[in-house]
Amino acid sequence: MSWLPANAIRFEQVGRVLALLLVFWSPFIGGPRVFSMLLAIMGGWLVYRERAALFARPAMKHWVMIFLLLWIPLLLSVPGSFKLSHSLKIAASLPLYFLAGVALIHSLRRDADRKWLATAIGLTLALWLVDGLMQYFLGRDLIGVPLTPDGRIVGAFGDNLRLALLLAVLAPVGLWWLLPKGAAWAIGFYLAGVFVALLSGSRMSLVMLLLVAVGVYWRATWRYKLPFLIVAAAAAAGLLALLSNHPLVQERLERTRAIGDWSFTGIDTALSGRLTIWETAGRMLADRPLTGVGAGAFAAAYDRYATRPDDPFRSGGGFEGGVYHAHQMYVSIAAESGLIGLAALLAALFLGVKWYFAAPPGRRRQAWPFAFGLLVAVFPINSQPVIYTHWWFPVLLLLLCASLAALEPDAESSAHRQQAV
């Protein structure tokens, strides 16, 4: 039995606002943790209230399949974990995210709900860009956070580089909101994002923004393709020329040029030590090919599998704090959850792509900004944060659940029917 109409509207509105807060509150204390928990409580209530009827919907069935593909390999990795307590904590927290996903899919069923969310996310990203630009030109952002000592733009995020990463992953949503208002607004928004990413020193965010440009160009109508390409390319070239003398940009360019000698040392230098980390992760996988070293146990297992005497990521090495993940999602999953975990993740991605292209064109248009943002986040030829963290996973979950809700063939009619009951 469904909710009364007034309660259904109120419930969806609360869920929609919580979905926005997963993004908006990311720079502040606690990040999206509290709002993820509130969504989990809502999801638990929905499961109790609707029971089997809730999971008769295609989007919910798809979410169950994706969740099981993520969770079961994680559980299998727990018994042999190098850090049992941490692996158990991750395994126990994932069902809460499952319930949060249920609430997100339910709250974002209607096209109008997702349009509202896209607008609010777009405004949030615009605020972050203004905040970051103010920090660069005035030395401090809107709430007084200064530039880092080496001149990086971090916005309100303060002591990390999450600003550029979240801007890049959510850029398709922001551009989807801006493009109907004019190509000039969209290009300005995009170039401001490139500027912030360049001066944050985050190369993975720049790769993501390049993918965003390719995706938006692909989606644009032929009327706008050539003008959009010319203006964006000219503006991007001017931006790069303007910033080419910035010490941070020069340092990143110098490091990237080291890949030219094609030696292990050259490539490792260009990738900021990633090749050393991936080599060690490969040894973890070779030793434990099925279930890995345990979810979240990469740091605990690192010293055992590191063999290079000059490895700076070992305990007591030159890299402060060591390394707690492989800086590449697929390598991390393989090392921590084995081939079972990697195969399950690839199966989940395959299903997502399959469901997207099986949907009618109108549903694909509605899902595109969220689905493409998720694709940008998980694109394999790049570096990514560890997937199961409380600041990153909720954003991926939001993009996934909004995509699944939008792809549901009868999403609009289903929502209207439930409100009419």
Protein backbone atom coordinates (compact mmCIF):
# COMPACT_ATOMS: atom_id res chain seq x y z
CA MET A 1 0.00 0.00 0.00
CA SER A 2 1.42 3.38 -0.99
CA TRP A 3 1.77 6.61 0.89
CA LEU A 4 -1.01 9.15 1.09
CA PRO A 5 -0.40 11.81 -1.60
CA ALA A 6 0.67 14.58 0.81
CA ASN A 7 3.06 12.28 2.63
CA ALA A 8 4.49 10.98 -0.66
CA ILE A 9 5.24 14.50 -1.84
CA ARG A 10 6.76 15.45 1.49
CA PHE A 11 8.85 12.30 1.61
CA GLU A 12 10.19 12.85 -1.91
CA GLN A 13 10.98 16.48 -1.19
CA VAL A 14 13.01 15.54 1.89
CA GLY A 15 14.84 12.85 -0.07
CA ARG A 16 15.56 15.31 -2.85
CA VAL A 17 17.04 17.86 -0.45
CA LEU A 18 19.16 15.17 1.23
CA ALA A 19 20.39 14.13 -2.21
CA LEU A 20 21.56 17.70 -2.81
CA LEU A 21 23.22 17.88 0.61
CA LEU A 22 25.37 14.87 -0.27
CA VAL A 23 27.07 17.29 -2.66
CA PHE A 24 26.56 20.72 -1.10
CA TRP A 25 27.87 19.76 2.35
CA SER A 26 30.93 17.92 1.02
CA PRO A 27 33.43 20.67 1.99
CA PHE A 28 32.22 20.92 5.56
CA ILE A 29 32.54 18.95 8.80
CA GLY A 30 31.37 15.35 8.39
CA GLY A 31 30.83 15.71 4.65
CA PRO A 32 27.90 13.61 3.40
CA ARG A 33 27.94 11.11 6.31
CA VAL A 34 24.95 12.45 8.24
CA PHE A 35 22.83 12.88 5.12
CA SER A 36 23.73 9.38 3.93
CA MET A 37 22.53 8.05 7.27
CA LEU A 38 19.27 10.01 7.05
CA LEU A 39 18.71 8.63 3.56
CA ALA A 40 19.40 5.11 4.91
CA ILE A 41 16.74 5.63 7.58
CA MET A 42 14.30 6.77 4.89
CA GLY A 43 15.21 3.77 2.76
CA GLY A 44 14.65 1.42 5.69
CA TRP A 45 11.22 2.94 6.27
CA LEU A 46 10.38 2.55 2.59
CA VAL A 47 11.39 -1.12 2.62
CA TYR A 48 9.24 -1.69 5.72
CA ARG A 49 6.29 0.26 4.34
CA GLU A 50 6.27 -0.92 0.70
CA ARG A 51 7.92 -4.33 1.04
CA ALA A 52 7.73 -6.44 -2.16
CA ALA A 53 5.92 -3.73 -4.14
CA LEU A 54 8.97 -1.49 -3.86
CA PHE A 55 11.28 -4.06 -5.45
CA ALA A 56 8.87 -4.85 -8.27
CA ARG A 57 10.10 -1.68 -9.99
CA PRO A 58 12.89 -2.16 -12.58
CA ALA A 59 15.13 0.54 -11.08
CA MET A 60 15.02 -1.11 -7.65
CA LYS A 61 15.72 -4.54 -9.16
CA HIS A 62 18.72 -3.11 -10.96
CA TRP A 63 19.98 -1.49 -7.77
CA VAL A 64 19.73 -4.82 -5.90
CA MET A 65 21.83 -6.49 -8.60
CA ILE A 66 24.49 -3.76 -8.56
CA PHE A 67 24.63 -3.79 -4.77
CA LEU A 68 25.09 -7.56 -4.57
CA LEU A 69 27.88 -7.40 -7.15
CA LEU A 70 29.66 -4.86 -4.95
CA TRP A 71 28.91 -6.39 -1.55
CA ILE A 72 29.40 -10.15 -2.00
CA PRO A 73 33.08 -9.92 -3.12
CA LEU A 74 33.69 -7.52 -0.27
CA LEU A 75 32.29 -10.06 2.20
CA LEU A 76 34.43 -12.81 0.68
CA SER A 77 37.54 -10.69 1.25
CA VAL A 78 36.90 -10.24 4.98
CA PRO A 79 38.08 -13.59 6.45
CA GLY A 80 41.63 -13.25 5.11
CA SER A 81 41.90 -9.49 5.57
CA PHE A 82 45.17 -7.93 6.71
CA LYS A 83 43.06 -5.47 8.71
CA LEU A 84 39.98 -7.38 9.82
CA SER A 85 38.37 -4.59 11.84
CA HIS A 86 38.49 -2.16 8.92
CA SER A 87 37.17 -4.71 6.43
CA LEU A 88 34.31 -5.58 8.78
CA LYS A 89 33.48 -1.90 9.16
CA ILE A 90 33.24 -1.46 5.38
CA ALA A 91 31.19 -4.65 5.02
CA ALA A 92 28.78 -3.47 7.72
CA SER A 93 28.41 0.05 6.29
CA LEU A 94 27.57 -0.97 2.73
CA PRO A 95 24.02 -2.23 3.55
CA LEU A 96 23.30 1.24 4.96
CA TYR A 97 24.28 2.68 1.59
CA PHE A 98 21.96 0.14 -0.02
CA LEU A 99 19.07 1.63 1.96
CA ALA A 100 20.25 5.13 1.08
CA GLY A 101 20.17 4.09 -2.58
CA VAL A 102 16.58 2.88 -2.18
CA ALA A 103 15.59 6.31 -0.83
CA LEU A 104 17.45 8.12 -3.62
CA ILE A 105 15.82 6.10 -6.41
CA HIS A 106 12.38 6.61 -4.84
CA SER A 107 12.93 10.35 -4.36
CA LEU A 108 14.29 10.94 -7.87
CA ARG A 109 11.70 9.00 -9.88
CA ARG A 110 10.18 11.99 -11.62
CA ASP A 111 11.88 14.01 -14.32
CA ALA A 112 10.97 17.19 -12.43
CA ASP A 113 12.75 15.93 -9.30
CA ARG A 114 15.96 15.21 -11.20
CA LYS A 115 15.74 18.54 -13.03
CA TRP A 116 15.46 20.30 -9.66
CA LEU A 117 18.45 18.35 -8.38
CA ALA A 118 20.50 19.13 -11.52
CA THR A 119 19.71 22.84 -11.16
CA ALA A 120 20.67 22.83 -7.48
CA ILE A 121 23.90 20.91 -8.18
CA GLY A 122 24.71 23.30 -11.03
CA LEU A 123 24.27 26.29 -8.71
CA THR A 124 26.43 24.56 -6.09
CA LEU A 125 29.21 24.00 -8.62
CA ALA A 126 28.96 27.62 -9.78
CA LEU A 127 29.30 28.75 -6.15
CA TRP A 128 32.36 26.51 -5.72
CA LEU A 129 33.92 27.97 -8.86
CA VAL A 130 33.34 31.55 -7.69
CA ASP A 131 34.72 30.58 -4.30
CA GLY A 132 37.83 28.99 -5.85
CA LEU A 133 38.47 31.95 -8.17
CA MET A 134 38.08 34.35 -5.26
CA GLN A 135 40.60 32.28 -3.29
CA TYR A 136 43.09 32.48 -6.15
CA PHE A 137 42.79 36.22 -6.87
CA LEU A 138 42.25 37.48 -3.31
CA GLY A 139 44.18 34.87 -1.32
CA ARG A 140 41.14 33.62 0.64
CA ASP A 141 37.78 32.17 -0.25
CA LEU A 142 34.32 33.27 0.88
CA ILE A 143 34.67 31.70 4.33
CA GLY A 144 38.30 32.70 4.80
CA VAL A 145 40.10 29.53 3.70
CA PRO A 146 43.51 30.57 2.24
CA LEU A 147 45.39 29.23 -0.74
CA THR A 148 47.71 26.39 0.20
CA PRO A 149 51.38 27.37 0.78
CA ASP A 150 52.28 26.07 -2.69
CA GLY A 151 49.48 28.07 -4.34
CA ARG A 152 46.83 25.38 -4.88
CA ILE A 153 43.15 26.27 -5.19
CA VAL A 154 41.21 24.15 -2.69
CA GLY A 155 38.12 26.31 -2.08
CA ALA A 156 36.18 25.59 1.08
CA PHE A 157 37.59 22.04 1.14
CA GLY A 158 40.71 23.37 2.85
CA ASP A 159 43.26 20.60 3.31
CA ASN A 160 42.52 18.32 0.33
CA LEU A 161 42.03 18.35 -3.47
CA ARG A 162 38.41 17.21 -3.52
CA LEU A 163 37.16 20.46 -5.04
CA ALA A 164 38.60 19.77 -8.51
CA LEU A 165 37.60 16.11 -8.40
CA LEU A 166 33.96 16.75 -7.49
CA LEU A 167 33.75 19.61 -9.99
CA ALA A 168 34.93 17.27 -12.76
CA VAL A 169 32.64 14.36 -11.86
CA LEU A 170 29.56 16.57 -11.47
CA ALA A 171 30.36 18.81 -14.47
CA PRO A 172 28.01 16.88 -16.84
CA VAL A 173 25.12 17.64 -14.48
CA GLY A 174 26.07 21.32 -14.29
CA LEU A 175 26.52 21.60 -18.07
CA TRP A 176 23.19 19.84 -18.67
CA TRP A 177 21.61 22.59 -16.57
CA LEU A 178 23.54 25.40 -18.30
CA LEU A 179 23.47 24.41 -21.99
CA PRO A 180 19.81 25.39 -22.54
CA LYS A 181 20.70 28.85 -21.24
CA GLY A 182 23.37 29.32 -23.93
CA ALA A 183 26.66 27.85 -25.11
CA ALA A 184 28.60 30.86 -23.78
CA TRP A 185 27.52 30.12 -20.20
CA ALA A 186 28.43 26.45 -20.59
CA ILE A 187 31.87 27.23 -22.06
CA GLY A 188 32.58 29.78 -19.33
CA PHE A 189 31.56 27.28 -16.66
CA TYR A 190 33.74 24.58 -18.20
CA LEU A 191 36.81 26.80 -18.57
CA ALA A 192 36.49 28.03 -15.00
CA GLY A 193 36.51 24.36 -13.97
CA VAL A 194 39.66 23.73 -16.03
CA PHE A 195 41.32 26.76 -14.42
CA VAL A 196 40.52 25.51 -10.91
CA ALA A 197 41.63 21.95 -11.75
CA LEU A 198 44.93 23.21 -13.21
CA LEU A 199 45.68 25.29 -10.15
CA SER A 200 44.65 22.57 -7.74
CA GLY A 201 47.40 20.36 -9.18
CA SER A 202 44.96 17.49 -9.76
CA ARG A 203 45.84 15.80 -13.05
CA MET A 204 43.15 13.15 -12.67
CA SER A 205 40.56 15.95 -12.56
CA LEU A 206 41.96 17.37 -15.80
CA VAL A 207 41.61 13.96 -17.46
CA MET A 208 38.02 13.82 -16.22
CA LEU A 209 37.28 17.30 -17.56
CA LEU A 210 38.69 16.30 -20.94
CA LEU A 211 36.26 13.37 -20.97
CA VAL A 212 33.45 15.75 -20.05
CA ALA A 213 34.29 17.95 -23.05
CA VAL A 214 34.23 14.90 -25.35
CA GLY A 215 30.90 13.77 -23.93
CA VAL A 216 29.23 17.17 -24.17
CA TYR A 217 30.50 17.62 -27.73
CA TRP A 218 29.13 14.21 -28.64
CA ARG A 219 25.72 15.08 -27.18
CA ALA A 220 25.52 18.54 -28.78
CA THR A 221 23.47 19.05 -31.95
CA TRP A 222 25.33 19.57 -35.23
CA ARG A 223 24.31 23.23 -35.21
CA TYR A 224 26.53 23.86 -32.18
CA LYS A 225 29.37 21.36 -32.70
CA LEU A 226 31.77 23.44 -34.80
CA PRO A 227 31.26 26.81 -33.02
CA PHE A 228 31.48 25.06 -29.65
CA LEU A 229 34.70 23.29 -30.68
CA ILE A 230 36.37 26.45 -32.04
CA VAL A 231 35.48 28.70 -29.11
CA ALA A 232 36.30 26.09 -26.45
CA ALA A 233 39.62 25.12 -28.07
CA ALA A 234 40.72 28.74 -28.50
CA ALA A 235 39.75 29.66 -24.95
CA ALA A 236 41.43 26.55 -23.50
CA ALA A 237 44.63 27.29 -25.44
CA GLY A 238 44.62 30.86 -24.14
CA LEU A 239 44.07 29.62 -20.61
CA LEU A 240 46.97 27.17 -20.84
CA ALA A 241 49.24 29.87 -22.28
CA LEU A 242 48.26 32.25 -19.49
CA LEU A 243 49.03 29.70 -16.79
CA SER A 244 52.09 28.06 -18.37
CA ASN A 245 54.45 30.09 -16.16
CA HIS A 246 52.67 29.19 -12.93
CA PRO A 247 55.09 27.12 -10.75
CA LEU A 248 52.49 24.46 -9.96
CA VAL A 249 51.57 23.99 -13.63
CA GLN A 250 55.26 23.91 -14.63
CA GLU A 251 56.00 21.27 -12.01
CA ARG A 252 53.18 19.04 -13.26
CA LEU A 253 54.25 19.50 -16.88
CA GLU A 254 57.85 18.64 -16.02
CA ARG A 255 56.76 15.54 -14.18
CA THR A 256 54.53 14.47 -17.07
CA ARG A 257 57.38 14.89 -19.61
CA ALA A 258 59.38 12.24 -17.73
CA ILE A 259 57.18 9.57 -19.30
CA GLY A 260 59.04 10.16 -22.58
CA ASP A 261 61.98 7.90 -21.76
CA TRP A 262 59.68 4.87 -21.30
CA SER A 263 61.73 3.47 -18.41
CA PHE A 264 60.15 2.31 -15.16
CA THR A 265 61.69 5.29 -13.35
CA GLY A 266 60.52 7.76 -15.99
CA ILE A 267 56.96 6.50 -16.07
CA ASP A 268 56.88 6.23 -12.28
CA THR A 269 58.06 9.83 -11.96
CA ALA A 270 55.46 11.02 -14.49
CA LEU A 271 52.74 9.19 -12.55
CA SER A 272 53.87 10.52 -9.14
CA GLY A 273 54.95 7.07 -7.93
CA ARG A 274 51.81 5.29 -9.08
CA LEU A 275 53.76 2.63 -10.98
CA THR A 276 55.54 1.58 -7.78
CA ILE A 277 52.18 1.35 -5.99
CA TRP A 278 50.60 -0.64 -8.82
CA GLU A 279 53.56 -3.04 -8.92
CA THR A 280 53.05 -3.74 -5.22
CA ALA A 281 49.29 -4.12 -5.75
CA GLY A 282 50.05 -6.66 -8.48
CA ARG A 283 52.02 -8.73 -5.97
CA MET A 284 49.06 -8.66 -3.60
CA LEU A 285 46.83 -9.98 -6.37
CA ALA A 286 49.35 -12.65 -7.41
CA ASP A 287 49.57 -13.89 -3.82
CA ARG A 288 45.82 -13.81 -3.18
CA PRO A 289 44.20 -13.97 -6.62
CA LEU A 290 40.63 -14.80 -5.59
CA THR A 291 39.76 -12.62 -2.60
CA GLY A 292 42.67 -10.20 -2.25
CA VAL A 293 44.16 -8.78 0.94
CA GLY A 294 40.84 -7.54 2.33
CA ALA A 295 38.61 -4.54 1.66
CA GLY A 296 40.29 -1.40 2.97
CA ALA A 297 43.42 -3.32 3.99
CA PHE A 298 45.73 -2.04 1.25
CA ALA A 299 47.87 0.04 3.63
CA ALA A 300 48.15 -2.77 6.17
CA ALA A 301 49.35 -5.20 3.49
CA TYR A 302 51.63 -2.80 1.63
CA ASP A 303 54.90 -3.37 3.50
CA ARG A 304 54.65 -7.14 3.12
CA TYR A 305 54.43 -6.94 -0.68
CA ALA A 306 56.67 -3.93 -1.39
CA THR A 307 60.05 -5.10 -2.66
CA ARG A 308 61.84 -1.99 -3.92
CA PRO A 309 64.32 -0.75 -1.31
CA ASP A 310 63.76 2.88 -2.34
CA ASP A 311 59.95 2.61 -2.19
CA PRO A 312 58.85 5.88 -0.50
CA PHE A 313 55.43 4.48 0.37
CA ARG A 314 56.68 1.82 2.80
CA SER A 315 56.59 2.49 6.52
CA GLY A 316 59.39 4.89 7.30
CA GLY A 317 59.70 5.87 3.63
CA GLY A 318 59.88 9.41 2.36
CA PHE A 319 56.15 9.72 1.64
CA GLU A 320 54.49 11.08 4.76
CA GLY A 321 51.51 9.00 5.86
CA GLY A 322 52.23 6.07 3.54
CA VAL A 323 49.68 4.93 0.97
CA TYR A 324 46.25 3.63 1.88
CA HIS A 325 44.97 2.70 -1.60
CA ALA A 326 46.30 2.08 -5.10
CA HIS A 327 45.19 5.44 -6.57
CA GLN A 328 43.34 3.53 -9.30
CA MET A 329 39.94 2.03 -8.66
CA TYR A 330 40.35 -1.19 -10.62
CA VAL A 331 43.82 -1.90 -9.24
CA SER A 332 42.53 -1.22 -5.71
CA ILE A 333 39.55 -3.53 -6.12
CA ALA A 334 41.72 -6.29 -7.59
CA ALA A 335 44.30 -6.02 -4.79
CA GLU A 336 41.74 -5.84 -1.99
CA SER A 337 38.94 -8.11 -3.32
CA GLY A 338 40.81 -10.26 -5.83
CA LEU A 339 39.69 -11.36 -9.26
CA ILE A 340 36.23 -12.07 -7.87
CA GLY A 341 35.86 -8.45 -6.85
CA LEU A 342 37.27 -7.12 -10.12
CA ALA A 343 35.02 -9.39 -12.22
CA ALA A 344 31.96 -8.36 -10.19
CA LEU A 345 32.78 -4.66 -10.62
CA LEU A 346 33.21 -5.09 -14.38
CA ALA A 347 29.92 -7.01 -14.50
CA ALA A 348 28.19 -4.13 -12.68
CA LEU A 349 29.60 -1.64 -15.19
CA PHE A 350 28.56 -3.86 -18.11
CA LEU A 351 25.01 -4.08 -16.76
CA GLY A 352 24.83 -0.32 -16.32
CA VAL A 353 25.89 0.27 -19.93
CA LYS A 354 23.50 -2.42 -21.14
CA TRP A 355 20.53 -0.91 -19.28
CA TYR A 356 21.40 2.55 -20.57
CA PHE A 357 21.43 1.57 -24.25
CA ALA A 358 18.37 -0.66 -23.84
CA ALA A 359 16.29 2.28 -22.59
CA PRO A 360 14.18 4.45 -24.94
CA PRO A 361 15.89 7.61 -26.26
CA GLY A 362 13.81 9.87 -24.01
CA ARG A 363 14.90 7.97 -20.92
CA ARG A 364 18.54 8.06 -22.03
CA ARG A 365 18.37 11.84 -22.43
CA GLN A 366 17.09 12.15 -18.88
CA ALA A 367 19.75 9.79 -17.49
CA TRP A 368 22.69 11.12 -19.52
CA PRO A 369 24.14 13.82 -17.17
CA PHE A 370 24.15 11.47 -14.19
CA ALA A 371 25.25 8.37 -16.12
CA PHE A 372 28.03 10.23 -17.91
CA GLY A 373 29.24 11.77 -14.65
CA LEU A 374 29.49 8.25 -13.25
CA LEU A 375 31.35 7.10 -16.37
CA VAL A 376 33.81 9.98 -15.95
CA ALA A 377 34.38 8.92 -12.33
CA VAL A 378 35.10 5.27 -13.17
CA PHE A 379 36.92 5.73 -16.51
CA PRO A 380 39.73 3.16 -16.28
CA ILE A 381 42.59 5.17 -17.87
CA ASN A 382 42.91 7.52 -14.93
CA SER A 383 43.56 7.67 -11.21
CA GLN A 384 40.67 7.57 -8.72
CA PRO A 385 40.14 7.73 -4.96
CA VAL A 386 39.40 4.54 -3.09
CA ILE A 387 35.77 3.72 -3.79
CA TYR A 388 34.57 2.89 -0.27
CA THR A 389 35.12 6.20 1.51
CA HIS A 390 32.40 8.25 3.18
CA TRP A 391 33.15 11.38 1.14
CA TRP A 392 33.37 9.75 -2.31
CA PHE A 393 31.01 6.78 -2.38
CA PRO A 394 27.85 8.85 -1.63
CA VAL A 395 28.51 11.02 -4.71
CA LEU A 396 28.93 7.92 -6.90
CA LEU A 397 25.79 6.48 -5.32
CA LEU A 398 23.83 9.64 -6.11
CA LEU A 399 24.88 9.55 -9.77
CA LEU A 400 24.12 5.83 -10.05
CA CYS A 401 20.70 6.02 -8.41
CA ALA A 402 19.63 9.09 -10.38
CA SER A 403 20.64 7.23 -13.56
CA LEU A 404 18.71 4.10 -12.62
CA ALA A 405 15.63 6.14 -11.72
CA ALA A 406 15.78 8.08 -14.99
CA LEU A 407 16.16 4.93 -17.12
CA GLU A 408 13.03 3.31 -15.75
CA PRO A 409 10.67 3.14 -18.76
CA ASP A 410 7.56 4.16 -16.84
CA ALA A 411 9.29 6.43 -14.31
CA GLU A 412 6.94 9.36 -14.86
CA SER A 413 3.71 7.39 -15.08
CA SER A 414 4.67 5.27 -12.06
CA ALA A 415 5.24 8.37 -9.94
CA HIS A 416 1.94 9.89 -11.02
CA ARG A 417 0.07 6.66 -10.30
CA GLN A 418 1.49 6.43 -6.79
CA GLN A 419 0.57 10.03 -6.02
CA ALA A 420 -2.98 9.38 -7.22
CA VAL A 421 -3.54 6.43 -4.87
